[in-house]
C-alpha atoms as a PDB file:
ATOM      1  CA  MET A   1     -48.172  51.365 123.610  1.00  0.00           C
ATOM      2  CA  SER A   2     -47.188  53.254 120.476  1.00  0.00           C
ATOM      3  CA  LYS A   3     -43.894  54.645 121.736  1.00  0.00           C
ATOM      4  CA  GLU A   4     -40.866  52.818 123.103  1.00  0.00           C
ATOM      5  CA  SER A   5     -40.270  53.119 126.811  1.00  0.00           C
ATOM      6  CA  PRO A   6     -37.252  55.299 127.696  1.00  0.00           C
ATOM      7  CA  LEU A   7     -35.745  52.121 129.154  1.00  0.00           C
ATOM      8  CA  ALA A   8     -36.034  50.148 125.921  1.00  0.00           C
ATOM      9  CA  PHE A   9     -32.686  49.031 124.528  1.00  0.00           C
ATOM     10  CA  GLY A  10     -33.298  50.161 120.957  1.00  0.00           C
ATOM     11  CA  PRO A  11     -33.686  53.936 121.328  1.00  0.00           C
ATOM     12  CA  ALA A  12     -31.122  54.135 124.146  1.00  0.00           C
ATOM     13  CA  ARG A  13     -28.304  52.365 122.260  1.00  0.00           C
ATOM     14  CA  PRO A  14     -27.148  55.319 120.102  1.00  0.00           C
ATOM     15  CA  ALA A  15     -26.857  57.466 123.226  1.00  0.00           C
ATOM     16  CA  ILE A  16     -24.853  54.738 124.990  1.00  0.00           C
ATOM     17  CA  GLU A  17     -22.535  54.386 122.003  1.00  0.00           C
ATOM     18  CA  ARG A  18     -22.004  58.154 121.878  1.00  0.00           C
ATOM     19  CA  PHE A  19     -21.193  58.097 125.598  1.00  0.00           C
ATOM     20  CA  ARG A  20     -18.717  55.265 125.139  1.00  0.00           C
ATOM     21  CA  THR A  21     -16.897  56.887 122.248  1.00  0.00           C
ATOM     22  CA  SER A  22     -16.635  60.150 124.175  1.00  0.00           C
ATOM     23  CA  MET A  23     -14.984  58.468 127.152  1.00  0.00           C
ATOM     24  CA  PRO A  24     -11.172  58.568 127.303  1.00  0.00           C
ATOM     25  CA  PRO A  25      -9.549  55.155 126.724  1.00  0.00           C
ATOM     26  CA  LEU A  26      -8.661  53.175 129.839  1.00  0.00           C
ATOM     27  CA  LEU A  27      -5.121  52.778 128.477  1.00  0.00           C
ATOM     28  CA  PRO A  28      -3.198  54.493 125.661  1.00  0.00           C
ATOM     29  CA  PRO A  29      -4.408  53.076 122.314  1.00  0.00           C
ATOM     30  CA  HIS A  30      -0.943  51.885 121.261  1.00  0.00           C
ATOM     31  CA  LEU A  31      -0.701  49.776 124.417  1.00  0.00           C
ATOM     32  CA  LEU A  32      -4.099  48.216 123.776  1.00  0.00           C
ATOM     33  CA  ALA A  33      -3.068  47.481 120.193  1.00  0.00           C
ATOM     34  CA  GLY A  34       0.133  45.875 121.451  1.00  0.00           C
ATOM     35  CA  TYR A  35      -1.768  43.796 123.975  1.00  0.00           C
ATOM     36  CA  HIS A  36      -4.139  42.635 121.263  1.00  0.00           C
ATOM     37  CA  LYS A  37      -1.196  41.373 119.209  1.00  0.00           C
ATOM     38  CA  PHE A  38       0.228  39.649 122.288  1.00  0.00           C
ATOM     39  CA  ILE A  39      -2.954  37.928 123.429  1.00  0.00           C
ATOM     40  CA  THR A  40      -3.864  36.756 119.911  1.00  0.00           C
ATOM     41  CA  GLY A  41      -0.320  35.836 118.935  1.00  0.00           C
ATOM     42  CA  ARG A  42       2.473  35.033 121.384  1.00  0.00           C
ATOM     43  CA  TYR A  43       0.167  34.128 124.250  1.00  0.00           C
ATOM     44  CA  VAL A  44      -1.666  31.616 122.091  1.00  0.00           C
ATOM     45  CA  THR A  45       1.558  29.766 121.305  1.00  0.00           C
ATOM     46  CA  GLU A  46       2.957  30.061 124.853  1.00  0.00           C
ATOM     47  CA  SER A  47      -0.231  29.742 126.897  1.00  0.00           C
ATOM     48  CA  GLU A  48       0.779  26.468 128.518  1.00  0.00           C
ATOM     49  CA  HIS A  49       4.082  28.000 129.599  1.00  0.00           C
ATOM     50  CA  TYR A  50       2.253  30.946 131.160  1.00  0.00           C
ATOM     51  CA  ARG A  51      -0.135  28.586 132.958  1.00  0.00           C
ATOM     52  CA  SER A  52       2.845  26.616 134.255  1.00  0.00           C
ATOM     53  CA  LEU A  53       4.464  29.810 135.568  1.00  0.00           C
ATOM     54  CA  ALA A  54       1.195  30.732 137.266  1.00  0.00           C
ATOM     55  CA  ARG A  55       0.931  27.304 138.930  1.00  0.00           C
ATOM     56  CA  GLU A  56       4.540  26.755 139.912  1.00  0.00           C
ATOM     57  CA  GLY A  57       5.845  30.300 140.330  1.00  0.00           C
ATOM     58  CA  GLN A  58       8.955  31.883 138.885  1.00  0.00           C
ATOM     59  CA  ALA A  59      12.442  30.423 139.176  1.00  0.00           C
ATOM     60  CA  PRO A  60      14.806  32.589 137.125  1.00  0.00           C
ATOM     61  CA  GLU A  61      18.517  31.854 137.504  1.00  0.00           C
ATOM     62  CA  THR A  62      19.624  35.356 136.532  1.00  0.00           C
ATOM     63  CA  MET A  63      18.874  38.827 137.820  1.00  0.00           C
ATOM     64  CA  ILE A  64      19.546  41.784 135.520  1.00  0.00           C
ATOM     65  CA  ILE A  65      20.082  45.266 136.949  1.00  0.00           C
ATOM     66  CA  ALA A  66      19.542  47.588 134.003  1.00  0.00           C
ATOM     67  CA  CYS A  67      18.757  51.197 133.192  1.00  0.00           C
ATOM     68  CA  CYS A  68      15.134  52.255 132.786  1.00  0.00           C
ATOM     69  CA  ASP A  69      15.981  53.675 129.343  1.00  0.00           C
ATOM     70  CA  SER A  70      13.254  52.505 126.951  1.00  0.00           C
ATOM     71  CA  ARG A  71      15.822  51.516 124.318  1.00  0.00           C
ATOM     72  CA  THR A  72      17.617  48.848 126.347  1.00  0.00           C
ATOM     73  CA  ALA A  73      15.116  46.285 127.596  1.00  0.00           C
ATOM     74  CA  PRO A  74      17.097  43.258 128.869  1.00  0.00           C
ATOM     75  CA  GLU A  75      14.368  40.855 127.783  1.00  0.00           C
ATOM     76  CA  THR A  76      14.847  42.087 124.215  1.00  0.00           C
ATOM     77  CA  VAL A  77      18.658  42.239 124.282  1.00  0.00           C
ATOM     78  CA  PHE A  78      18.927  38.682 125.622  1.00  0.00           C
ATOM     79  CA  ASN A  79      15.905  37.357 123.721  1.00  0.00           C
ATOM     80  CA  ALA A  80      14.441  36.062 126.977  1.00  0.00           C
ATOM     81  CA  GLY A  81      10.995  34.645 127.491  1.00  0.00           C
ATOM     82  CA  PRO A  82       8.635  34.962 130.466  1.00  0.00           C
ATOM     83  CA  GLY A  83      10.096  33.642 133.705  1.00  0.00           C
ATOM     84  CA  GLU A  84      13.716  33.597 132.472  1.00  0.00           C
ATOM     85  CA  LEU A  85      15.014  36.866 133.930  1.00  0.00           C
ATOM     86  CA  PHE A  86      14.331  38.756 137.132  1.00  0.00           C
ATOM     87  CA  VAL A  87      14.779  42.373 136.027  1.00  0.00           C
ATOM     88  CA  LEU A  88      15.383  45.482 138.113  1.00  0.00           C
ATOM     89  CA  ARG A  89      15.542  48.787 136.250  1.00  0.00           C
ATOM     90  CA  ASN A  90      16.462  52.204 137.581  1.00  0.00           C
ATOM     91  CA  VAL A  91      18.214  55.347 136.383  1.00  0.00           C
ATOM     92  CA  ALA A  92      21.711  54.431 135.116  1.00  0.00           C
ATOM     93  CA  ASN A  93      21.554  50.864 136.489  1.00  0.00           C
ATOM     94  CA  LEU A  94      23.098  51.892 139.805  1.00  0.00           C
ATOM     95  CA  VAL A  95      23.304  49.852 142.987  1.00  0.00           C
ATOM     96  CA  PRO A  96      23.600  51.800 146.253  1.00  0.00           C
ATOM     97  CA  PRO A  97      25.683  50.384 149.106  1.00  0.00           C
ATOM     98  CA  TYR A  98      24.056  48.273 151.797  1.00  0.00           C
ATOM     99  CA  GLU A  99      22.286  50.627 154.213  1.00  0.00           C
ATOM    100  CA  PRO A 100      19.827  49.004 156.671  1.00  0.00           C
ATOM    101  CA  ASP A 101      18.714  52.380 157.984  1.00  0.00           C
ATOM    102  CA  GLY A 102      14.952  52.016 157.967  1.00  0.00           C
ATOM    103  CA  GLU A 103      14.477  54.194 154.872  1.00  0.00           C
ATOM    104  CA  PHE A 104      12.816  53.111 151.612  1.00  0.00           C
ATOM    105  CA  HIS A 105      15.215  51.157 149.377  1.00  0.00           C
ATOM    106  CA  SER A 106      13.579  49.716 146.261  1.00  0.00           C
ATOM    107  CA  THR A 107      16.821  48.474 144.688  1.00  0.00           C
ATOM    108  CA  SER A 108      17.882  46.775 147.919  1.00  0.00           C
ATOM    109  CA  ALA A 109      14.420  45.230 148.295  1.00  0.00           C
ATOM    110  CA  ALA A 110      14.624  43.721 144.803  1.00  0.00           C
ATOM    111  CA  LEU A 111      18.103  42.384 145.535  1.00  0.00           C
ATOM    112  CA  GLU A 112      16.917  40.852 148.781  1.00  0.00           C
ATOM    113  CA  PHE A 113      14.060  39.064 147.027  1.00  0.00           C
ATOM    114  CA  ALA A 114      16.206  37.861 144.127  1.00  0.00           C
ATOM    115  CA  VAL A 115      18.994  36.524 146.329  1.00  0.00           C
ATOM    116  CA  GLN A 116      17.180  35.316 149.432  1.00  0.00           C
ATOM    117  CA  SER A 117      13.900  34.098 147.956  1.00  0.00           C
ATOM    118  CA  LEU A 118      14.479  33.287 144.284  1.00  0.00           C
ATOM    119  CA  ARG A 119      18.049  32.136 144.917  1.00  0.00           C
ATOM    120  CA  VAL A 120      19.335  33.461 141.608  1.00  0.00           C
ATOM    121  CA  LYS A 121      22.761  32.187 140.543  1.00  0.00           C
ATOM    122  CA  ASN A 122      23.817  35.252 138.566  1.00  0.00           C
ATOM    123  CA  ILE A 123      23.480  39.005 138.935  1.00  0.00           C
ATOM    124  CA  VAL A 124      24.302  41.057 135.846  1.00  0.00           C
ATOM    125  CA  VAL A 125      24.715  44.832 136.008  1.00  0.00           C
ATOM    126  CA  MET A 126      24.019  45.995 132.447  1.00  0.00           C
ATOM    127  CA  GLY A 127      24.858  49.542 131.413  1.00  0.00           C
ATOM    128  CA  HIS A 128      24.438  51.029 127.965  1.00  0.00           C
ATOM    129  CA  GLY A 129      25.688  53.673 125.582  1.00  0.00           C
ATOM    130  CA  ARG A 130      24.230  57.186 125.494  1.00  0.00           C
ATOM    131  CA  CYS A 131      22.840  56.866 129.031  1.00  0.00           C
ATOM    132  CA  GLY A 132      20.990  60.007 130.072  1.00  0.00           C
ATOM    133  CA  GLY A 133      21.756  59.513 133.756  1.00  0.00           C
ATOM    134  CA  ILE A 134      25.475  59.269 133.080  1.00  0.00           C
ATOM    135  CA  LYS A 135      25.295  62.339 130.849  1.00  0.00           C
ATOM    136  CA  ALA A 136      23.627  64.262 133.678  1.00  0.00           C
ATOM    137  CA  ALA A 137      26.336  63.164 136.123  1.00  0.00           C
ATOM    138  CA  LEU A 138      29.054  64.384 133.782  1.00  0.00           C
ATOM    139  CA  GLY A 139      27.401  67.652 132.843  1.00  0.00           C
ATOM    140  CA  LYS A 140      26.122  68.758 136.239  1.00  0.00           C
ATOM    141  CA  ALA A 141      22.637  69.125 134.769  1.00  0.00           C
ATOM    142  CA  ALA A 142      20.181  71.499 136.420  1.00  0.00           C
ATOM    143  CA  PRO A 143      17.620  69.761 138.661  1.00  0.00           C
ATOM    144  CA  LEU A 144      14.419  68.735 136.907  1.00  0.00           C
ATOM    145  CA  SER A 145      12.410  69.376 140.079  1.00  0.00           C
ATOM    146  CA  PRO A 146      12.905  70.874 143.544  1.00  0.00           C
ATOM    147  CA  GLY A 147      13.499  67.370 144.887  1.00  0.00           C
ATOM    148  CA  ASP A 148      16.397  66.755 142.466  1.00  0.00           C
ATOM    149  CA  PHE A 149      15.909  63.017 142.778  1.00  0.00           C
ATOM    150  CA  ILE A 150      18.121  62.292 139.763  1.00  0.00           C
ATOM    151  CA  GLY A 151      20.941  64.458 141.072  1.00  0.00           C
ATOM    152  CA  LYS A 152      20.825  62.738 144.458  1.00  0.00           C
ATOM    153  CA  TRP A 153      20.737  59.309 142.848  1.00  0.00           C
ATOM    154  CA  MET A 154      23.637  60.044 140.503  1.00  0.00           C
ATOM    155  CA  SER A 155      25.730  61.321 143.427  1.00  0.00           C
ATOM    156  CA  LEU A 156      26.408  57.633 144.063  1.00  0.00           C
ATOM    157  CA  ILE A 157      29.108  57.888 141.393  1.00  0.00           C
ATOM    158  CA  ALA A 158      30.094  61.529 141.984  1.00  0.00           C
ATOM    159  CA  PRO A 159      33.789  60.821 142.725  1.00  0.00           C
ATOM    160  CA  ALA A 160      34.229  58.983 139.423  1.00  0.00           C
ATOM    161  CA  ALA A 161      32.107  61.514 137.528  1.00  0.00           C
ATOM    162  CA  ASN A 162      34.233  64.397 138.790  1.00  0.00           C
ATOM    163  CA  THR A 163      37.450  62.659 137.778  1.00  0.00           C
ATOM    164  CA  VAL A 164      36.234  61.677 134.313  1.00  0.00           C
ATOM    165  CA  ALA A 165      34.574  65.042 133.623  1.00  0.00           C
ATOM    166  CA  THR A 166      37.819  66.948 134.177  1.00  0.00           C
ATOM    167  CA  SER A 167      39.893  64.735 131.893  1.00  0.00           C
ATOM    168  CA  THR A 168      41.183  66.708 128.910  1.00  0.00           C
ATOM    169  CA  MET A 169      42.649  63.611 127.281  1.00  0.00           C
ATOM    170  CA  MET A 170      39.268  62.271 126.193  1.00  0.00           C
ATOM    171  CA  THR A 171      36.505  63.517 123.934  1.00  0.00           C
ATOM    172  CA  ALA A 172      32.986  64.012 125.287  1.00  0.00           C
ATOM    173  CA  THR A 173      31.924  60.680 123.778  1.00  0.00           C
ATOM    174  CA  GLU A 174      34.896  58.898 125.334  1.00  0.00           C
ATOM    175  CA  ARG A 175      34.150  60.414 128.735  1.00  0.00           C
ATOM    176  CA  GLN A 176      30.546  59.270 128.458  1.00  0.00           C
ATOM    177  CA  THR A 177      31.500  55.695 127.601  1.00  0.00           C
ATOM    178  CA  ALA A 178      34.205  55.622 130.262  1.00  0.00           C
ATOM    179  CA  LEU A 179      31.826  56.644 133.045  1.00  0.00           C
ATOM    180  CA  GLU A 180      29.120  54.274 131.813  1.00  0.00           C
ATOM    181  CA  ARG A 181      31.547  51.399 132.267  1.00  0.00           C
ATOM    182  CA  ILE A 182      33.095  52.693 135.489  1.00  0.00           C
ATOM    183  CA  SER A 183      29.615  52.976 136.997  1.00  0.00           C
ATOM    184  CA  ILE A 184      29.076  49.275 136.319  1.00  0.00           C
ATOM    185  CA  ARG A 185      32.193  48.461 138.326  1.00  0.00           C
ATOM    186  CA  TYR A 186      30.942  50.783 141.088  1.00  0.00           C
ATOM    187  CA  SER A 187      27.632  48.924 141.239  1.00  0.00           C
ATOM    188  CA  ILE A 188      29.321  45.538 141.381  1.00  0.00           C
ATOM    189  CA  ALA A 189      31.511  46.763 144.238  1.00  0.00           C
ATOM    190  CA  ASN A 190      28.392  47.977 146.041  1.00  0.00           C
ATOM    191  CA  LEU A 191      26.699  44.619 145.524  1.00  0.00           C
ATOM    192  CA  ARG A 192      29.469  43.075 147.591  1.00  0.00           C
ATOM    193  CA  THR A 193      28.576  45.329 150.537  1.00  0.00           C
ATOM    194  CA  PHE A 194      25.380  43.281 150.947  1.00  0.00           C
ATOM    195  CA  PRO A 195      26.292  40.490 153.400  1.00  0.00           C
ATOM    196  CA  CYS A 196      24.108  37.850 151.775  1.00  0.00           C
ATOM    197  CA  ILE A 197      25.606  38.529 148.339  1.00  0.00           C
ATOM    198  CA  LYS A 198      29.207  38.504 149.594  1.00  0.00           C
ATOM    199  CA  ILE A 199      28.671  35.245 151.476  1.00  0.00           C
ATOM    200  CA  LEU A 200      27.080  33.471 148.520  1.00  0.00           C
ATOM    201  CA  GLU A 201      29.722  34.761 146.099  1.00  0.00           C
ATOM    202  CA  ASP A 202      32.503  33.537 148.375  1.00  0.00           C
ATOM    203  CA  LYS A 203      30.840  30.120 148.511  1.00  0.00           C
ATOM    204  CA  GLY A 204      30.630  29.979 144.713  1.00  0.00           C
ATOM    205  CA  LYS A 205      26.838  29.973 144.736  1.00  0.00           C
ATOM    206  CA  LEU A 206      26.409  33.425 143.175  1.00  0.00           C
ATOM    207  CA  THR A 207      28.332  35.086 140.352  1.00  0.00           C
ATOM    208  CA  LEU A 208      28.424  38.826 139.631  1.00  0.00           C
ATOM    209  CA  HIS A 209      28.770  40.066 136.044  1.00  0.00           C
ATOM    210  CA  GLY A 210      29.095  43.382 134.253  1.00  0.00           C
ATOM    211  CA  ALA A 211      27.818  44.119 130.745  1.00  0.00           C
ATOM    212  CA  TRP A 212      27.529  47.151 128.485  1.00  0.00           C
ATOM    213  CA  PHE A 213      25.182  47.409 125.481  1.00  0.00           C
ATOM    214  CA  ASP A 214      25.704  49.776 122.550  1.00  0.00           C
ATOM    215  CA  ILE A 215      22.309  50.931 121.331  1.00  0.00           C
ATOM    216  CA  SER A 216      23.531  52.172 117.948  1.00  0.00           C
ATOM    217  CA  THR A 217      25.417  49.001 116.913  1.00  0.00           C
ATOM    218  CA  GLY A 218      23.771  46.310 119.025  1.00  0.00           C
ATOM    219  CA  GLU A 219      27.175  45.286 120.369  1.00  0.00           C
ATOM    220  CA  LEU A 220      27.351  43.662 123.788  1.00  0.00           C
ATOM    221  CA  TRP A 221      30.480  43.981 125.906  1.00  0.00           C
ATOM    222  CA  ALA A 222      31.134  41.926 129.053  1.00  0.00           C
ATOM    223  CA  MET A 223      33.382  42.816 131.946  1.00  0.00           C
ATOM    224  CA  ASN A 224      36.445  40.662 132.497  1.00  0.00           C
ATOM    225  CA  LYS A 225      36.258  39.667 136.166  1.00  0.00           C
ATOM    226  CA  GLU A 226      40.038  39.586 136.535  1.00  0.00           C
ATOM    227  CA  THR A 227      40.955  42.917 134.927  1.00  0.00           C
ATOM    228  CA  GLY A 228      37.715  44.910 134.957  1.00  0.00           C
ATOM    229  CA  ASP A 229      38.147  45.564 131.226  1.00  0.00           C
ATOM    230  CA  PHE A 230      35.181  45.252 128.877  1.00  0.00           C
ATOM    231  CA  GLU A 231      35.524  42.706 126.078  1.00  0.00           C
ATOM    232  CA  ARG A 232      33.367  41.369 123.279  1.00  0.00           C
ATOM    233  CA  PRO A 233      32.195  37.896 124.375  1.00  0.00           C
ATOM    234  CA  GLU A 234      32.343  35.011 121.944  1.00  0.00           C
ATOM    235  CA  ILE A 235      28.899  33.988 120.743  1.00  0.00           C
ATOM    236  CA  GLY A 236      27.776  31.124 118.582  1.00  0.00           C
END
């Protein structure tokens, strides 16, 4: 036979390659590049640790409730490795009050798992500077969609937002920082409305913390449990 069959691999390969290159990537290229660095770098040096986590499961002692802002990843701020932190992220790091009403509650579900299954010893509510959710709460931003999911969510701190927003004794930046920190205290108070959390805290088996991270300076502030004030913790 003088000509290749249409099924022969040789003549068909250029067409296959053209088809492949014309296909959209399965994931954004920058994510694939990042994964390549991870799997050929960090994973190589920590592969046994990952295998151990796969075999034995996770057992983090600390849960972090943080904002979904891309600039404030708790794992980065606390230099934590895989399996060290159980992280929940939502808009403005808010915790709603305990409401067993049969609706969908993702934050409450994560809390339930962390406290009742993982038996974490610490829950840290970590806010941050220049939070978009807090800015929206202060500025009465127009809804981004007919559902106004952000507006509804931020109404959790509406009483405080209204008080802070009308203060003429503070600048806009001061009002922003004030509400960011007040919202942390709100969330901690709401954590105590969950029976399992209140019981464990009273028994000394669970500790609640507040923290605030400044994106521009890298400063970390921790809430004094006695006064509610935010202070710079001593570090080594």
